[in-house]
Amino acid sequence: MKRKDDFVLQNVGGEYILVPIGQRVLDLNGIITLNPTGHHVWELLAKHRSVEELTAGVVEHFDIDPERAGADIKIFLEEISRMGLLEE
């Protein structure tokens, strides 16, 4: 999977915010903020990645148990997929 190109990431006051561009501005009602882990996963999703690759990237970057990282990544991916932010 990979992130869609119709969102840009902005750092506003130390918070990471996904800003829709183009047609997505009309589709999205609200803003999407990311915590540091979500930001890291979003950056990894610039290229096609598997859940396993994302998990390894988070485990390497943060001091977290692989099982916990994998579970959290699956929840995050479900949420951003539901919002239409991912290409399959």
N, C-alpha and C. Protein backbone atom coordinates (compact mmCIF):
# COMPACT_ATOMS: atom_id res chain seq x y z
N MET A 1 0.82 -1.18 0.00
CA MET A 1 0.00 0.00 0.00
C MET A 1 0.87 1.24 0.00
N LYS A 2 0.24 2.35 -0.38
CA LYS A 2 0.96 3.61 -0.51
C LYS A 2 -0.03 4.74 -0.23
N ARG A 3 0.47 5.85 0.27
CA ARG A 3 -0.42 6.99 0.52
C ARG A 3 -0.81 7.65 -0.79
N LYS A 4 -1.98 8.26 -0.81
CA LYS A 4 -2.42 8.99 -1.98
C LYS A 4 -1.72 10.34 -2.02
N ASP A 5 -1.64 10.89 -3.22
CA ASP A 5 -0.92 12.14 -3.41
C ASP A 5 -1.77 13.39 -3.20
N ASP A 6 -3.04 13.23 -2.83
CA ASP A 6 -3.89 14.41 -2.70
C ASP A 6 -3.97 14.94 -1.27
N PHE A 7 -2.93 14.67 -0.49
CA PHE A 7 -2.76 15.24 0.84
C PHE A 7 -1.31 15.67 0.99
N VAL A 8 -1.10 16.80 1.63
CA VAL A 8 0.26 17.23 1.94
C VAL A 8 0.39 17.33 3.45
N LEU A 9 1.57 17.05 3.94
CA LEU A 9 1.85 17.10 5.36
C LEU A 9 2.43 18.46 5.71
N GLN A 10 1.85 19.09 6.71
CA GLN A 10 2.34 20.38 7.19
C GLN A 10 2.67 20.26 8.67
N ASN A 11 3.72 20.93 9.09
CA ASN A 11 4.06 21.04 10.51
C ASN A 11 3.61 22.41 10.96
N VAL A 12 2.58 22.43 11.78
CA VAL A 12 2.02 23.70 12.26
C VAL A 12 2.16 23.72 13.78
N GLY A 13 3.03 24.58 14.27
CA GLY A 13 3.22 24.70 15.72
C GLY A 13 3.65 23.41 16.37
N GLY A 14 4.43 22.61 15.66
CA GLY A 14 4.91 21.35 16.23
C GLY A 14 3.95 20.19 16.06
N GLU A 15 2.80 20.42 15.42
CA GLU A 15 1.84 19.35 15.16
C GLU A 15 1.85 19.03 13.68
N TYR A 16 1.73 17.74 13.37
CA TYR A 16 1.69 17.30 11.98
C TYR A 16 0.23 17.23 11.53
N ILE A 17 -0.07 17.94 10.45
CA ILE A 17 -1.43 18.01 9.94
C ILE A 17 -1.43 17.61 8.47
N LEU A 18 -2.36 16.72 8.11
CA LEU A 18 -2.55 16.36 6.71
C LEU A 18 -3.58 17.30 6.12
N VAL A 19 -3.17 17.98 5.06
CA VAL A 19 -4.02 18.98 4.42
C VAL A 19 -4.44 18.46 3.06
N PRO A 20 -5.76 18.37 2.81
CA PRO A 20 -6.20 17.92 1.49
C PRO A 20 -5.93 18.98 0.43
N ILE A 21 -5.68 18.51 -0.78
CA ILE A 21 -5.49 19.42 -1.90
C ILE A 21 -6.41 18.97 -3.04
N GLY A 22 -6.65 19.86 -3.97
CA GLY A 22 -7.48 19.53 -5.13
C GLY A 22 -8.89 19.17 -4.72
N GLN A 23 -9.44 18.17 -5.37
CA GLN A 23 -10.82 17.73 -5.12
C GLN A 23 -11.03 17.27 -3.70
N ARG A 24 -9.99 16.77 -3.06
CA ARG A 24 -10.12 16.25 -1.68
C ARG A 24 -10.55 17.33 -0.70
N VAL A 25 -10.30 18.59 -1.01
CA VAL A 25 -10.73 19.68 -0.13
C VAL A 25 -12.25 19.62 0.05
N LEU A 26 -12.97 19.31 -1.01
CA LEU A 26 -14.43 19.25 -0.96
C LEU A 26 -14.92 17.98 -0.26
N ASP A 27 -14.12 16.92 -0.29
CA ASP A 27 -14.53 15.63 0.26
C ASP A 27 -14.33 15.51 1.76
N LEU A 28 -13.40 16.25 2.32
CA LEU A 28 -13.02 16.07 3.71
C LEU A 28 -13.63 17.16 4.59
N ASN A 29 -14.29 16.74 5.62
CA ASN A 29 -14.89 17.68 6.57
C ASN A 29 -14.08 17.63 7.86
N GLY A 30 -13.04 18.44 7.95
CA GLY A 30 -12.18 18.46 9.12
C GLY A 30 -10.72 18.36 8.73
N ILE A 31 -9.88 18.24 9.75
CA ILE A 31 -8.45 18.09 9.51
C ILE A 31 -7.98 16.79 10.15
N ILE A 32 -6.83 16.34 9.72
CA ILE A 32 -6.26 15.11 10.23
C ILE A 32 -4.93 15.46 10.88
N THR A 33 -4.82 15.19 12.16
CA THR A 33 -3.55 15.42 12.85
C THR A 33 -2.89 14.06 13.11
N LEU A 34 -1.58 14.06 13.06
CA LEU A 34 -0.82 12.84 13.28
C LEU A 34 0.11 13.00 14.47
N ASN A 35 0.20 11.95 15.27
CA ASN A 35 1.20 11.94 16.34
C ASN A 35 2.55 11.57 15.70
N PRO A 36 3.64 11.58 16.46
CA PRO A 36 4.95 11.26 15.86
C PRO A 36 5.00 9.90 15.16
N THR A 37 4.34 8.90 15.71
CA THR A 37 4.34 7.59 15.07
C THR A 37 3.55 7.62 13.77
N GLY A 38 2.37 8.25 13.78
CA GLY A 38 1.58 8.38 12.58
C GLY A 38 2.33 9.15 11.50
N HIS A 39 3.05 10.19 11.92
CA HIS A 39 3.86 10.96 10.98
C HIS A 39 4.93 10.07 10.34
N HIS A 40 5.59 9.26 11.16
CA HIS A 40 6.64 8.37 10.64
C HIS A 40 6.06 7.37 9.65
N VAL A 41 4.93 6.78 9.99
CA VAL A 41 4.29 5.81 9.09
C VAL A 41 3.87 6.51 7.79
N TRP A 42 3.32 7.72 7.90
CA TRP A 42 2.91 8.47 6.71
C TRP A 42 4.12 8.69 5.78
N GLU A 43 5.25 9.04 6.37
CA GLU A 43 6.46 9.24 5.57
C GLU A 43 6.90 7.94 4.90
N LEU A 44 6.82 6.82 5.63
CA LEU A 44 7.18 5.53 5.05
C LEU A 44 6.26 5.17 3.89
N LEU A 45 5.02 5.61 3.96
CA LEU A 45 4.04 5.29 2.93
C LEU A 45 4.22 6.10 1.65
N ALA A 46 5.28 6.89 1.56
CA ALA A 46 5.59 7.59 0.31
C ALA A 46 5.91 6.58 -0.79
N LYS A 47 6.34 5.38 -0.38
CA LYS A 47 6.60 4.28 -1.30
C LYS A 47 5.69 3.12 -0.91
N HIS A 48 5.44 2.22 -1.85
CA HIS A 48 4.64 1.04 -1.52
C HIS A 48 5.32 0.25 -0.42
N ARG A 49 4.57 -0.06 0.62
CA ARG A 49 5.11 -0.81 1.76
C ARG A 49 4.09 -1.85 2.22
N SER A 50 4.59 -2.94 2.73
CA SER A 50 3.74 -3.94 3.36
C SER A 50 3.60 -3.58 4.85
N VAL A 51 2.65 -4.22 5.50
CA VAL A 51 2.48 -4.01 6.94
C VAL A 51 3.76 -4.41 7.67
N GLU A 52 4.39 -5.46 7.20
CA GLU A 52 5.62 -5.92 7.84
C GLU A 52 6.74 -4.89 7.70
N GLU A 53 6.84 -4.27 6.53
CA GLU A 53 7.86 -3.24 6.33
C GLU A 53 7.58 -2.01 7.20
N LEU A 54 6.32 -1.64 7.30
CA LEU A 54 5.95 -0.50 8.16
C LEU A 54 6.27 -0.80 9.62
N THR A 55 5.94 -2.01 10.03
CA THR A 55 6.21 -2.42 11.42
C THR A 55 7.70 -2.38 11.71
N ALA A 56 8.50 -2.92 10.81
CA ALA A 56 9.96 -2.89 11.00
C ALA A 56 10.47 -1.46 11.07
N GLY A 57 9.94 -0.57 10.24
CA GLY A 57 10.35 0.83 10.26
C GLY A 57 10.02 1.53 11.56
N VAL A 58 8.85 1.21 12.12
CA VAL A 58 8.46 1.82 13.40
C VAL A 58 9.29 1.25 14.54
N VAL A 59 9.50 -0.05 14.54
CA VAL A 59 10.31 -0.68 15.59
C VAL A 59 11.73 -0.13 15.58
N GLU A 60 12.26 0.09 14.39
CA GLU A 60 13.61 0.62 14.27
C GLU A 60 13.70 2.06 14.75
N HIS A 61 12.67 2.85 14.47
CA HIS A 61 12.69 4.29 14.79
C HIS A 61 12.30 4.57 16.25
N PHE A 62 11.37 3.78 16.77
CA PHE A 62 10.88 3.97 18.14
C PHE A 62 11.21 2.72 18.94
N ASP A 63 11.37 2.87 20.21
CA ASP A 63 11.65 1.72 21.08
C ASP A 63 10.31 1.10 21.48
N ILE A 64 9.81 0.20 20.62
CA ILE A 64 8.50 -0.41 20.85
C ILE A 64 8.55 -1.88 20.48
N ASP A 65 7.75 -2.66 21.16
CA ASP A 65 7.63 -4.09 20.90
C ASP A 65 7.03 -4.32 19.52
N PRO A 66 7.60 -5.24 18.73
CA PRO A 66 7.09 -5.47 17.37
C PRO A 66 5.60 -5.85 17.32
N GLU A 67 5.13 -6.64 18.29
CA GLU A 67 3.72 -7.02 18.28
C GLU A 67 2.82 -5.81 18.50
N ARG A 68 3.20 -4.97 19.44
CA ARG A 68 2.42 -3.75 19.70
C ARG A 68 2.46 -2.82 18.50
N ALA A 69 3.64 -2.66 17.91
CA ALA A 69 3.78 -1.79 16.73
C ALA A 69 2.89 -2.29 15.59
N GLY A 70 2.91 -3.59 15.34
CA GLY A 70 2.11 -4.16 14.27
C GLY A 70 0.62 -3.95 14.50
N ALA A 71 0.17 -4.15 15.73
CA ALA A 71 -1.24 -3.96 16.05
C ALA A 71 -1.65 -2.49 15.86
N ASP A 72 -0.81 -1.58 16.34
CA ASP A 72 -1.11 -0.14 16.21
C ASP A 72 -1.10 0.30 14.75
N ILE A 73 -0.18 -0.23 13.97
CA ILE A 73 -0.10 0.13 12.55
C ILE A 73 -1.35 -0.35 11.81
N LYS A 74 -1.82 -1.54 12.12
CA LYS A 74 -3.03 -2.04 11.47
C LYS A 74 -4.23 -1.14 11.77
N ILE A 75 -4.36 -0.68 13.00
CA ILE A 75 -5.45 0.24 13.36
C ILE A 75 -5.30 1.54 12.59
N PHE A 76 -4.09 2.08 12.56
CA PHE A 76 -3.83 3.33 11.83
C PHE A 76 -4.17 3.18 10.35
N LEU A 77 -3.73 2.09 9.75
CA LEU A 77 -3.99 1.86 8.33
C LEU A 77 -5.48 1.71 8.05
N GLU A 78 -6.20 1.04 8.94
CA GLU A 78 -7.65 0.92 8.76
C GLU A 78 -8.31 2.29 8.78
N GLU A 79 -7.90 3.15 9.70
CA GLU A 79 -8.47 4.49 9.80
C GLU A 79 -8.18 5.33 8.58
N ILE A 80 -6.93 5.37 8.14
CA ILE A 80 -6.62 6.23 7.00
C ILE A 80 -7.15 5.63 5.70
N SER A 81 -7.30 4.32 5.66
CA SER A 81 -7.92 3.70 4.49
C SER A 81 -9.40 4.06 4.44
N ARG A 82 -10.07 4.02 5.58
CA ARG A 82 -11.48 4.39 5.66
C ARG A 82 -11.71 5.82 5.19
N MET A 83 -10.73 6.68 5.44
CA MET A 83 -10.82 8.09 5.02
C MET A 83 -10.39 8.29 3.57
N GLY A 84 -9.94 7.22 2.92
CA GLY A 84 -9.56 7.32 1.51
C GLY A 84 -8.17 7.88 1.28
N LEU A 85 -7.25 7.69 2.23
CA LEU A 85 -5.91 8.23 2.11
C LEU A 85 -4.90 7.24 1.53
N LEU A 86 -5.32 6.00 1.27
CA LEU A 86 -4.39 4.98 0.80
C LEU A 86 -4.74 4.46 -0.58
N GLU A 87 -3.68 4.15 -1.35
CA GLU A 87 -3.81 3.35 -2.56
C GLU A 87 -3.50 1.92 -2.15
N GLU A 88 -4.17 0.98 -2.71
CA GLU A 88 -3.92 -0.43 -2.37
C GLU A 88 -2.85 -1.00 -3.24
